[in-house]
Amino acid sequence: MKEGLIHIYTGEGKGKTTAAMGLVMRAVGQGLKVCIVRFLKEGSKGSGELKLIEDKLPYVDVFNSKLGHPMFYKKKPVPSEYEEECEGLFAICRGKASSGDYDLLVMEEVNNVIAEGWLRWDDVATFLQEKPEGLEVVLTGRDAHPQLQAMADYVTEMLKIKHPYDRGVIARRGIEY
């Protein structure tokens, strides 16, 4: 772990957060310290992985957004509110990375935030270039910026072939959250 690598999980398919949480489990199982910053995901929504992490996993710190993804609320976002919230969460990422206390940083849904223009891709690129050498970083979310993909060591695209949501099945507890 002398060289921390960059992972991107992107695409329209299900499994981006699931892949990141699998990596979190693996890291914790090996005694690594993890920080998860959840852009566009509120802590109060009761996701299964968040409950497990908060209740059972040592070595994991989680920081949640105060604003959820607008697509889950069917309302038009106020860009200035999202920009302010995302800048605050990104400041947490920078601070936690520079502290030297963590081995793995997960920036959940950050690709969506960049695609929406609520965080600048070049600021994230600079952060990745300047991160501590041994820090592993994961970026999740749809529409990963091409330049960030070029910087990454791992890029995995989740491809949606079929999803129950397309026929009106809403997210189910324990499966989608």
N, C-alpha and C. Protein backbone atom coordinates (compact mmCIF):
# COMPACT_ATOMS: atom_id res chain seq x y z
N MET A 1 0.82 -1.21 0.00
CA MET A 1 0.00 0.00 0.00
C MET A 1 0.86 1.26 0.00
N LYS A 2 2.12 1.14 -0.41
CA LYS A 2 2.93 2.34 -0.50
C LYS A 2 2.39 3.29 -1.55
N GLU A 3 1.84 2.73 -2.63
CA GLU A 3 1.25 3.55 -3.68
C GLU A 3 -0.26 3.39 -3.61
N GLY A 4 -0.95 4.44 -3.19
CA GLY A 4 -2.41 4.42 -3.19
C GLY A 4 -2.92 4.66 -4.58
N LEU A 5 -3.83 3.82 -5.03
CA LEU A 5 -4.35 3.91 -6.39
C LEU A 5 -5.72 4.58 -6.42
N ILE A 6 -6.17 4.92 -7.61
CA ILE A 6 -7.44 5.61 -7.81
C ILE A 6 -8.39 4.66 -8.53
N HIS A 7 -9.60 4.50 -7.96
CA HIS A 7 -10.64 3.64 -8.51
C HIS A 7 -11.81 4.52 -8.94
N ILE A 8 -12.43 4.19 -10.05
CA ILE A 8 -13.68 4.84 -10.46
C ILE A 8 -14.68 3.73 -10.78
N TYR A 9 -15.86 3.84 -10.13
CA TYR A 9 -17.00 2.98 -10.44
C TYR A 9 -18.08 3.89 -11.00
N THR A 10 -18.42 3.70 -12.27
CA THR A 10 -19.33 4.61 -12.95
C THR A 10 -20.32 3.82 -13.81
N GLY A 11 -21.20 4.52 -14.51
CA GLY A 11 -22.13 3.89 -15.42
C GLY A 11 -23.58 3.98 -14.95
N GLU A 12 -24.47 3.55 -15.82
CA GLU A 12 -25.91 3.61 -15.55
C GLU A 12 -26.41 2.42 -14.74
N GLY A 13 -25.61 1.40 -14.61
CA GLY A 13 -26.05 0.18 -13.94
C GLY A 13 -25.94 0.22 -12.43
N LYS A 14 -26.62 -0.70 -11.80
CA LYS A 14 -26.60 -0.87 -10.36
C LYS A 14 -25.25 -1.48 -9.96
N GLY A 15 -24.73 -1.08 -8.81
CA GLY A 15 -23.55 -1.74 -8.30
C GLY A 15 -22.35 -0.87 -7.99
N LYS A 16 -22.45 0.44 -8.26
CA LYS A 16 -21.31 1.32 -8.01
C LYS A 16 -21.02 1.44 -6.52
N THR A 17 -22.03 1.75 -5.75
CA THR A 17 -21.85 1.84 -4.30
C THR A 17 -21.56 0.46 -3.73
N THR A 18 -22.21 -0.56 -4.25
CA THR A 18 -21.98 -1.93 -3.77
C THR A 18 -20.52 -2.32 -3.94
N ALA A 19 -19.93 -1.99 -5.08
CA ALA A 19 -18.52 -2.29 -5.30
C ALA A 19 -17.64 -1.54 -4.32
N ALA A 20 -17.94 -0.26 -4.10
CA ALA A 20 -17.16 0.54 -3.16
C ALA A 20 -17.28 -0.02 -1.74
N MET A 21 -18.49 -0.43 -1.35
CA MET A 21 -18.68 -0.96 0.00
C MET A 21 -18.00 -2.32 0.16
N GLY A 22 -17.92 -3.08 -0.91
CA GLY A 22 -17.16 -4.34 -0.86
C GLY A 22 -15.68 -4.07 -0.59
N LEU A 23 -15.16 -3.04 -1.22
CA LEU A 23 -13.77 -2.66 -0.99
C LEU A 23 -13.58 -2.16 0.44
N VAL A 24 -14.56 -1.42 0.96
CA VAL A 24 -14.52 -0.97 2.35
C VAL A 24 -14.44 -2.18 3.29
N MET A 25 -15.29 -3.19 3.05
CA MET A 25 -15.29 -4.40 3.89
C MET A 25 -13.93 -5.09 3.85
N ARG A 26 -13.39 -5.21 2.66
CA ARG A 26 -12.09 -5.85 2.50
C ARG A 26 -11.01 -5.07 3.24
N ALA A 27 -11.02 -3.74 3.12
CA ALA A 27 -10.02 -2.91 3.78
C ALA A 27 -10.12 -3.02 5.30
N VAL A 28 -11.33 -2.93 5.82
CA VAL A 28 -11.53 -3.03 7.27
C VAL A 28 -11.12 -4.41 7.77
N GLY A 29 -11.42 -5.43 6.98
CA GLY A 29 -11.02 -6.79 7.35
C GLY A 29 -9.52 -6.95 7.47
N GLN A 30 -8.77 -6.08 6.80
CA GLN A 30 -7.30 -6.11 6.86
C GLN A 30 -6.75 -5.04 7.81
N GLY A 31 -7.65 -4.42 8.58
CA GLY A 31 -7.21 -3.45 9.57
C GLY A 31 -6.92 -2.06 9.04
N LEU A 32 -7.37 -1.75 7.83
CA LEU A 32 -7.14 -0.42 7.27
C LEU A 32 -8.20 0.55 7.78
N LYS A 33 -7.84 1.82 7.86
CA LYS A 33 -8.73 2.88 8.31
C LYS A 33 -9.38 3.52 7.09
N VAL A 34 -10.71 3.70 7.13
CA VAL A 34 -11.48 4.13 5.98
C VAL A 34 -12.29 5.39 6.30
N CYS A 35 -12.38 6.27 5.33
CA CYS A 35 -13.25 7.44 5.40
C CYS A 35 -14.18 7.40 4.19
N ILE A 36 -15.47 7.54 4.45
CA ILE A 36 -16.47 7.57 3.39
C ILE A 36 -17.16 8.93 3.44
N VAL A 37 -17.12 9.65 2.32
CA VAL A 37 -17.81 10.93 2.20
C VAL A 37 -18.92 10.72 1.17
N ARG A 38 -20.16 10.87 1.63
CA ARG A 38 -21.33 10.53 0.81
C ARG A 38 -21.97 11.79 0.23
N PHE A 39 -21.53 12.17 -0.98
CA PHE A 39 -22.14 13.28 -1.69
C PHE A 39 -23.54 12.83 -2.13
N LEU A 40 -24.52 13.69 -2.01
CA LEU A 40 -25.90 13.44 -2.48
C LEU A 40 -26.61 12.30 -1.75
N LYS A 41 -26.09 11.88 -0.62
CA LYS A 41 -26.75 10.83 0.16
C LYS A 41 -26.84 11.28 1.61
N GLU A 42 -28.07 11.40 2.05
CA GLU A 42 -28.32 11.82 3.43
C GLU A 42 -28.15 10.63 4.36
N GLY A 43 -27.67 10.88 5.55
CA GLY A 43 -27.49 9.82 6.53
C GLY A 43 -28.78 9.29 7.08
N SER A 44 -29.83 10.07 7.02
CA SER A 44 -31.10 9.68 7.64
C SER A 44 -31.92 8.73 6.79
N LYS A 45 -31.46 8.37 5.61
CA LYS A 45 -32.26 7.55 4.70
C LYS A 45 -32.22 6.06 5.01
N GLY A 46 -31.35 5.62 5.92
CA GLY A 46 -31.39 4.25 6.39
C GLY A 46 -30.88 3.19 5.43
N SER A 47 -29.84 3.47 4.69
CA SER A 47 -29.30 2.44 3.80
C SER A 47 -28.71 1.31 4.63
N GLY A 48 -28.85 0.09 4.16
CA GLY A 48 -28.37 -1.08 4.88
C GLY A 48 -26.88 -1.04 5.13
N GLU A 49 -26.11 -0.64 4.12
CA GLU A 49 -24.66 -0.62 4.31
C GLU A 49 -24.25 0.43 5.34
N LEU A 50 -24.95 1.56 5.36
CA LEU A 50 -24.63 2.60 6.34
C LEU A 50 -24.94 2.12 7.76
N LYS A 51 -26.07 1.45 7.93
CA LYS A 51 -26.41 0.91 9.25
C LYS A 51 -25.35 -0.08 9.72
N LEU A 52 -24.94 -0.97 8.84
CA LEU A 52 -23.93 -1.96 9.19
C LEU A 52 -22.61 -1.29 9.57
N ILE A 53 -22.20 -0.34 8.77
CA ILE A 53 -20.94 0.36 9.03
C ILE A 53 -20.99 1.06 10.39
N GLU A 54 -22.05 1.82 10.62
CA GLU A 54 -22.15 2.58 11.86
C GLU A 54 -22.25 1.69 13.09
N ASP A 55 -22.93 0.55 12.95
CA ASP A 55 -23.15 -0.33 14.10
C ASP A 55 -22.02 -1.33 14.34
N LYS A 56 -21.36 -1.78 13.30
CA LYS A 56 -20.49 -2.95 13.44
C LYS A 56 -19.04 -2.77 13.03
N LEU A 57 -18.73 -1.78 12.21
CA LEU A 57 -17.38 -1.72 11.66
C LEU A 57 -16.50 -0.70 12.35
N PRO A 58 -15.40 -1.15 12.91
CA PRO A 58 -14.42 -0.20 13.43
C PRO A 58 -13.62 0.37 12.26
N TYR A 59 -12.90 1.39 12.51
CA TYR A 59 -11.98 1.98 11.54
C TYR A 59 -12.65 2.67 10.36
N VAL A 60 -13.97 2.96 10.46
CA VAL A 60 -14.66 3.63 9.35
C VAL A 60 -15.34 4.89 9.87
N ASP A 61 -15.02 6.02 9.24
CA ASP A 61 -15.70 7.28 9.53
C ASP A 61 -16.54 7.65 8.32
N VAL A 62 -17.79 8.06 8.57
CA VAL A 62 -18.72 8.38 7.49
C VAL A 62 -19.21 9.82 7.65
N PHE A 63 -19.20 10.53 6.54
CA PHE A 63 -19.71 11.90 6.50
C PHE A 63 -20.79 11.96 5.43
N ASN A 64 -21.99 12.37 5.82
CA ASN A 64 -23.15 12.37 4.93
C ASN A 64 -23.50 13.78 4.46
N SER A 65 -24.11 13.84 3.30
CA SER A 65 -24.63 15.09 2.77
C SER A 65 -25.89 15.48 3.54
N LYS A 66 -26.16 16.76 3.56
CA LYS A 66 -27.43 17.24 4.11
C LYS A 66 -28.50 17.26 3.01
N LEU A 67 -28.05 17.13 1.76
CA LEU A 67 -28.96 17.16 0.61
C LEU A 67 -28.88 15.84 -0.15
N GLY A 68 -30.03 15.26 -0.43
CA GLY A 68 -30.06 14.05 -1.23
C GLY A 68 -30.05 14.36 -2.71
N HIS A 69 -29.91 13.32 -3.51
CA HIS A 69 -29.92 13.50 -4.97
C HIS A 69 -31.30 13.96 -5.41
N PRO A 70 -31.38 15.03 -6.21
CA PRO A 70 -32.69 15.54 -6.64
C PRO A 70 -33.54 14.52 -7.37
N MET A 71 -32.93 13.54 -8.04
CA MET A 71 -33.73 12.56 -8.79
C MET A 71 -34.58 11.71 -7.85
N PHE A 72 -34.19 11.61 -6.57
CA PHE A 72 -34.98 10.84 -5.62
C PHE A 72 -36.15 11.64 -5.06
N TYR A 73 -36.14 12.95 -5.27
CA TYR A 73 -37.18 13.81 -4.72
C TYR A 73 -38.06 14.43 -5.79
N LYS A 74 -37.74 14.20 -7.04
CA LYS A 74 -38.53 14.71 -8.16
C LYS A 74 -38.74 16.23 -8.06
N LYS A 75 -37.70 16.93 -7.58
CA LYS A 75 -37.79 18.38 -7.52
C LYS A 75 -36.57 18.99 -8.18
N LYS A 76 -36.74 20.21 -8.62
CA LYS A 76 -35.62 20.91 -9.27
C LYS A 76 -34.64 21.38 -8.20
N PRO A 77 -33.36 21.03 -8.36
CA PRO A 77 -32.38 21.44 -7.35
C PRO A 77 -32.08 22.93 -7.43
N VAL A 78 -31.70 23.49 -6.30
CA VAL A 78 -31.22 24.86 -6.27
C VAL A 78 -29.70 24.76 -6.36
N PRO A 79 -29.13 25.10 -7.52
CA PRO A 79 -27.69 24.88 -7.73
C PRO A 79 -26.80 25.46 -6.64
N SER A 80 -27.11 26.65 -6.16
CA SER A 80 -26.24 27.27 -5.15
C SER A 80 -26.23 26.45 -3.86
N GLU A 81 -27.36 25.85 -3.50
CA GLU A 81 -27.40 25.01 -2.29
C GLU A 81 -26.53 23.77 -2.47
N TYR A 82 -26.63 23.15 -3.64
CA TYR A 82 -25.85 21.95 -3.91
C TYR A 82 -24.35 22.27 -4.03
N GLU A 83 -24.03 23.37 -4.66
CA GLU A 83 -22.62 23.77 -4.77
C GLU A 83 -22.01 23.98 -3.39
N GLU A 84 -22.73 24.67 -2.52
CA GLU A 84 -22.23 24.93 -1.17
C GLU A 84 -22.06 23.63 -0.39
N GLU A 85 -23.04 22.75 -0.46
CA GLU A 85 -22.96 21.47 0.25
C GLU A 85 -21.81 20.61 -0.29
N CYS A 86 -21.67 20.57 -1.60
CA CYS A 86 -20.62 19.75 -2.21
C CYS A 86 -19.23 20.30 -1.91
N GLU A 87 -19.08 21.61 -1.90
CA GLU A 87 -17.79 22.22 -1.55
C GLU A 87 -17.43 21.87 -0.10
N GLY A 88 -18.43 21.90 0.78
CA GLY A 88 -18.18 21.53 2.17
C GLY A 88 -17.74 20.09 2.33
N LEU A 89 -18.39 19.19 1.60
CA LEU A 89 -18.01 17.77 1.66
C LEU A 89 -16.63 17.55 1.04
N PHE A 90 -16.34 18.29 -0.03
CA PHE A 90 -15.03 18.16 -0.66
C PHE A 90 -13.94 18.66 0.29
N ALA A 91 -14.24 19.70 1.06
CA ALA A 91 -13.29 20.18 2.07
C ALA A 91 -13.02 19.10 3.11
N ILE A 92 -14.04 18.34 3.46
CA ILE A 92 -13.85 17.20 4.38
C ILE A 92 -12.91 16.19 3.74
N CYS A 93 -13.12 15.88 2.46
CA CYS A 93 -12.23 14.94 1.76
C CYS A 93 -10.78 15.41 1.82
N ARG A 94 -10.57 16.68 1.51
CA ARG A 94 -9.21 17.23 1.53
C ARG A 94 -8.60 17.15 2.92
N GLY A 95 -9.39 17.52 3.92
CA GLY A 95 -8.88 17.50 5.29
C GLY A 95 -8.57 16.11 5.78
N LYS A 96 -9.45 15.18 5.52
CA LYS A 96 -9.24 13.81 5.98
C LYS A 96 -8.07 13.17 5.24
N ALA A 97 -7.93 13.48 3.95
CA ALA A 97 -6.81 12.93 3.17
C ALA A 97 -5.49 13.46 3.71
N SER A 98 -5.43 14.74 3.98
CA SER A 98 -4.16 15.33 4.42
C SER A 98 -3.81 14.97 5.86
N SER A 99 -4.79 14.48 6.62
CA SER A 99 -4.52 14.12 8.02
C SER A 99 -3.57 12.94 8.16
N GLY A 100 -3.52 12.10 7.13
CA GLY A 100 -2.68 10.91 7.20
C GLY A 100 -3.28 9.79 8.05
N ASP A 101 -4.52 9.97 8.49
CA ASP A 101 -5.17 8.99 9.36
C ASP A 101 -5.86 7.85 8.61
N TYR A 102 -5.97 7.96 7.30
CA TYR A 102 -6.77 7.00 6.53
C TYR A 102 -5.95 6.31 5.45
N ASP A 103 -6.36 5.08 5.16
CA ASP A 103 -5.76 4.29 4.09
C ASP A 103 -6.63 4.30 2.84
N LEU A 104 -7.94 4.48 3.03
CA LEU A 104 -8.90 4.44 1.92
C LEU A 104 -9.91 5.57 2.10
N LEU A 105 -10.13 6.32 1.03
CA LEU A 105 -11.13 7.38 1.00
C LEU A 105 -12.12 7.07 -0.11
N VAL A 106 -13.40 6.95 0.25
CA VAL A 106 -14.47 6.72 -0.73
C VAL A 106 -15.24 8.02 -0.88
N MET A 107 -15.28 8.54 -2.11
CA MET A 107 -16.03 9.75 -2.43
C MET A 107 -17.27 9.30 -3.20
N GLU A 108 -18.30 8.97 -2.45
CA GLU A 108 -19.50 8.37 -3.03
C GLU A 108 -20.34 9.41 -3.76
N GLU A 109 -20.72 9.10 -4.98
CA GLU A 109 -21.54 9.94 -5.87
C GLU A 109 -20.84 11.21 -6.34
N VAL A 110 -19.54 11.31 -6.15
CA VAL A 110 -18.83 12.53 -6.56
C VAL A 110 -18.87 12.71 -8.08
N ASN A 111 -18.92 11.62 -8.83
CA ASN A 111 -18.99 11.76 -10.30
C ASN A 111 -20.27 12.48 -10.71
N ASN A 112 -21.39 12.18 -10.05
CA ASN A 112 -22.66 12.86 -10.33
C ASN A 112 -22.55 14.36 -10.05
N VAL A 113 -21.92 14.67 -8.92
CA VAL A 113 -21.76 16.06 -8.49
C VAL A 113 -20.95 16.85 -9.52
N ILE A 114 -19.90 16.24 -10.02
CA ILE A 114 -19.07 16.89 -11.04
C ILE A 114 -19.86 17.06 -12.33
N ALA A 115 -20.58 16.03 -12.73
CA ALA A 115 -21.38 16.08 -13.96
C ALA A 115 -22.46 17.17 -13.89
N GLU A 116 -23.00 17.41 -12.71
CA GLU A 116 -24.02 18.45 -12.53
C GLU A 116 -23.42 19.85 -12.44
N GLY A 117 -22.09 19.93 -12.30
CA GLY A 117 -21.44 21.23 -12.20
C GLY A 117 -21.40 21.79 -10.79
N TRP A 118 -21.68 20.97 -9.80
CA TRP A 118 -21.68 21.43 -8.40
C TRP A 118 -20.30 21.33 -7.77
N LEU A 119 -19.37 20.72 -8.47
CA LEU A 119 -17.97 20.63 -8.05
C LEU A 119 -17.15 20.57 -9.33
N ARG A 120 -16.03 21.26 -9.36
CA ARG A 120 -15.22 21.32 -10.58
C ARG A 120 -14.35 20.07 -10.70
N TRP A 121 -14.34 19.48 -11.89
CA TRP A 121 -13.55 18.28 -12.11
C TRP A 121 -12.06 18.55 -11.93
N ASP A 122 -11.61 19.75 -12.33
CA ASP A 122 -10.18 20.04 -12.23
C ASP A 122 -9.73 20.21 -10.78
N ASP A 123 -10.64 20.63 -9.90
CA ASP A 123 -10.32 20.67 -8.47
C ASP A 123 -10.13 19.26 -7.93
N VAL A 124 -10.98 18.35 -8.38
CA VAL A 124 -10.86 16.94 -7.96
C VAL A 124 -9.57 16.35 -8.54
N ALA A 125 -9.25 16.70 -9.79
CA ALA A 125 -8.02 16.20 -10.41
C ALA A 125 -6.79 16.67 -9.62
N THR A 126 -6.78 17.92 -9.24
CA THR A 126 -5.67 18.45 -8.44
C THR A 126 -5.58 17.72 -7.10
N PHE A 127 -6.72 17.51 -6.47
CA PHE A 127 -6.76 16.76 -5.21
C PHE A 127 -6.14 15.37 -5.39
N LEU A 128 -6.51 14.68 -6.46
CA LEU A 128 -5.99 13.33 -6.71
C LEU A 128 -4.49 13.35 -6.98
N GLN A 129 -4.03 14.36 -7.68
CA GLN A 129 -2.58 14.48 -7.95
C GLN A 129 -1.79 14.77 -6.69
N GLU A 130 -2.39 15.47 -5.76
CA GLU A 130 -1.69 15.90 -4.55
C GLU A 130 -1.98 15.04 -3.33
N LYS A 131 -2.80 14.02 -3.47
CA LYS A 131 -3.16 13.18 -2.32
C LYS A 131 -1.93 12.50 -1.75
N PRO A 132 -1.97 12.13 -0.48
CA PRO A 132 -0.84 11.39 0.09
C PRO A 132 -0.56 10.12 -0.72
N GLU A 133 0.69 9.78 -0.84
CA GLU A 133 1.12 8.68 -1.71
C GLU A 133 0.43 7.36 -1.41
N GLY A 134 0.21 7.04 -0.16
CA GLY A 134 -0.36 5.74 0.20
C GLY A 134 -1.88 5.70 0.30
N LEU A 135 -2.56 6.81 0.01
CA LEU A 135 -4.02 6.86 0.14
C LEU A 135 -4.69 6.30 -1.10
N GLU A 136 -5.50 5.28 -0.91
CA GLU A 136 -6.33 4.71 -1.98
C GLU A 136 -7.61 5.54 -2.04
N VAL A 137 -8.07 5.92 -3.24
CA VAL A 137 -9.25 6.76 -3.38
C VAL A 137 -10.23 6.11 -4.36
N VAL A 138 -11.51 6.11 -3.97
CA VAL A 138 -12.58 5.58 -4.81
C VAL A 138 -13.55 6.71 -5.12
N LEU A 139 -13.89 6.87 -6.40
CA LEU A 139 -14.91 7.83 -6.83
C LEU A 139 -16.05 7.02 -7.45
N THR A 140 -17.27 7.24 -6.95
CA THR A 140 -18.42 6.53 -7.51
C THR A 140 -19.39 7.53 -8.14
N GLY A 141 -20.32 7.00 -8.89
CA GLY A 141 -21.39 7.80 -9.49
C GLY A 141 -21.36 7.74 -11.00
N ARG A 142 -22.48 8.09 -11.58
CA ARG A 142 -22.62 8.10 -13.03
C ARG A 142 -21.80 9.21 -13.66
N ASP A 143 -21.57 9.06 -14.94
CA ASP A 143 -20.97 10.12 -15.77
C ASP A 143 -19.60 10.59 -15.28
N ALA A 144 -18.72 9.64 -14.98
CA ALA A 144 -17.37 10.01 -14.55
C ALA A 144 -16.70 10.84 -15.63
N HIS A 145 -16.07 11.91 -15.22
CA HIS A 145 -15.41 12.83 -16.16
C HIS A 145 -14.28 12.10 -16.89
N PRO A 146 -14.18 12.27 -18.22
CA PRO A 146 -13.15 11.57 -19.00
C PRO A 146 -11.72 11.81 -18.51
N GLN A 147 -11.41 13.04 -18.08
CA GLN A 147 -10.05 13.31 -17.61
C GLN A 147 -9.76 12.60 -16.28
N LEU A 148 -10.77 12.48 -15.44
CA LEU A 148 -10.59 11.74 -14.19
C LEU A 148 -10.42 10.25 -14.48
N GLN A 149 -11.17 9.76 -15.46
CA GLN A 149 -10.99 8.36 -15.87
C GLN A 149 -9.57 8.11 -16.37
N ALA A 150 -9.03 9.07 -17.10
CA ALA A 150 -7.67 8.92 -17.61
C ALA A 150 -6.65 8.87 -16.48
N MET A 151 -6.91 9.56 -15.40
CA MET A 151 -6.00 9.58 -14.25
C MET A 151 -6.09 8.31 -13.41
N ALA A 152 -7.24 7.66 -13.44
CA ALA A 152 -7.51 6.53 -12.55
C ALA A 152 -6.69 5.29 -12.93
N ASP A 153 -6.48 4.45 -11.92
CA ASP A 153 -5.81 3.17 -12.14
C ASP A 153 -6.81 2.07 -12.46
N TYR A 154 -7.99 2.18 -11.87
CA TYR A 154 -9.10 1.25 -12.13
C TYR A 154 -10.29 2.07 -12.61
N VAL A 155 -10.91 1.68 -13.70
CA VAL A 155 -12.18 2.28 -14.12
C VAL A 155 -13.10 1.13 -14.46
N THR A 156 -14.21 1.06 -13.73
CA THR A 156 -15.21 0.03 -13.98
C THR A 156 -16.53 0.70 -14.30
N GLU A 157 -17.12 0.32 -15.43
CA GLU A 157 -18.41 0.86 -15.82
C GLU A 157 -19.48 -0.20 -15.60
N MET A 158 -20.48 0.16 -14.80
CA MET A 158 -21.62 -0.71 -14.56
C MET A 158 -22.62 -0.44 -15.69
N LEU A 159 -22.91 -1.45 -16.46
CA LEU A 159 -23.80 -1.32 -17.61
C LEU A 159 -25.18 -1.85 -17.27
N LYS A 160 -26.18 -0.99 -17.40
CA LYS A 160 -27.56 -1.42 -17.15
C LYS A 160 -28.10 -2.10 -18.40
N ILE A 161 -28.45 -3.34 -18.27
CA ILE A 161 -29.14 -4.07 -19.34
C ILE A 161 -30.64 -4.02 -19.08
N LYS A 162 -31.00 -4.23 -17.82
CA LYS A 162 -32.40 -4.27 -17.42
C LYS A 162 -32.46 -3.93 -15.94
N HIS A 163 -33.51 -3.21 -15.53
CA HIS A 163 -33.67 -2.85 -14.12
C HIS A 163 -35.16 -2.79 -13.80
N PRO A 164 -35.58 -3.32 -12.66
CA PRO A 164 -37.00 -3.30 -12.29
C PRO A 164 -37.61 -1.91 -12.22
N TYR A 165 -36.81 -0.89 -11.94
CA TYR A 165 -37.31 0.48 -11.88
C TYR A 165 -37.95 0.88 -13.20
N ASP A 166 -37.44 0.33 -14.31
CA ASP A 166 -37.98 0.65 -15.63
C ASP A 166 -39.43 0.22 -15.79
N ARG A 167 -39.86 -0.72 -14.96
CA ARG A 167 -41.27 -1.15 -15.01
C ARG A 167 -42.04 -0.74 -13.77
N GLY A 168 -41.48 0.25 -13.05
CA GLY A 168 -42.21 0.86 -11.94
C GLY A 168 -41.93 0.29 -10.55
N VAL A 169 -41.01 -0.65 -10.44
CA VAL A 169 -40.67 -1.22 -9.13
C VAL A 169 -39.75 -0.22 -8.42
N ILE A 170 -40.20 0.26 -7.25
CA ILE A 170 -39.39 1.23 -6.52
C ILE A 170 -38.30 0.52 -5.72
N ALA A 171 -37.34 1.29 -5.23
CA ALA A 171 -36.23 0.75 -4.45
C ALA A 171 -36.75 -0.04 -3.25
N ARG A 172 -36.14 -1.21 -3.03
CA ARG A 172 -36.57 -2.10 -1.96
C ARG A 172 -35.53 -2.17 -0.85
N ARG A 173 -36.02 -2.10 0.38
CA ARG A 173 -35.15 -2.16 1.56
C ARG A 173 -34.37 -3.46 1.56
N GLY A 174 -33.08 -3.37 1.77
CA GLY A 174 -32.22 -4.54 1.83
C GLY A 174 -31.66 -4.97 0.47
N ILE A 175 -32.21 -4.45 -0.60
CA ILE A 175 -31.73 -4.79 -1.94
C ILE A 175 -31.13 -3.57 -2.62
N GLU A 176 -31.90 -2.49 -2.74
CA GLU A 176 -31.37 -1.27 -3.34
C GLU A 176 -30.87 -0.26 -2.32
N TYR A 177 -31.26 -0.41 -1.08
CA TYR A 177 -30.74 0.49 -0.04
C TYR A 177 -30.67 -0.21 1.29
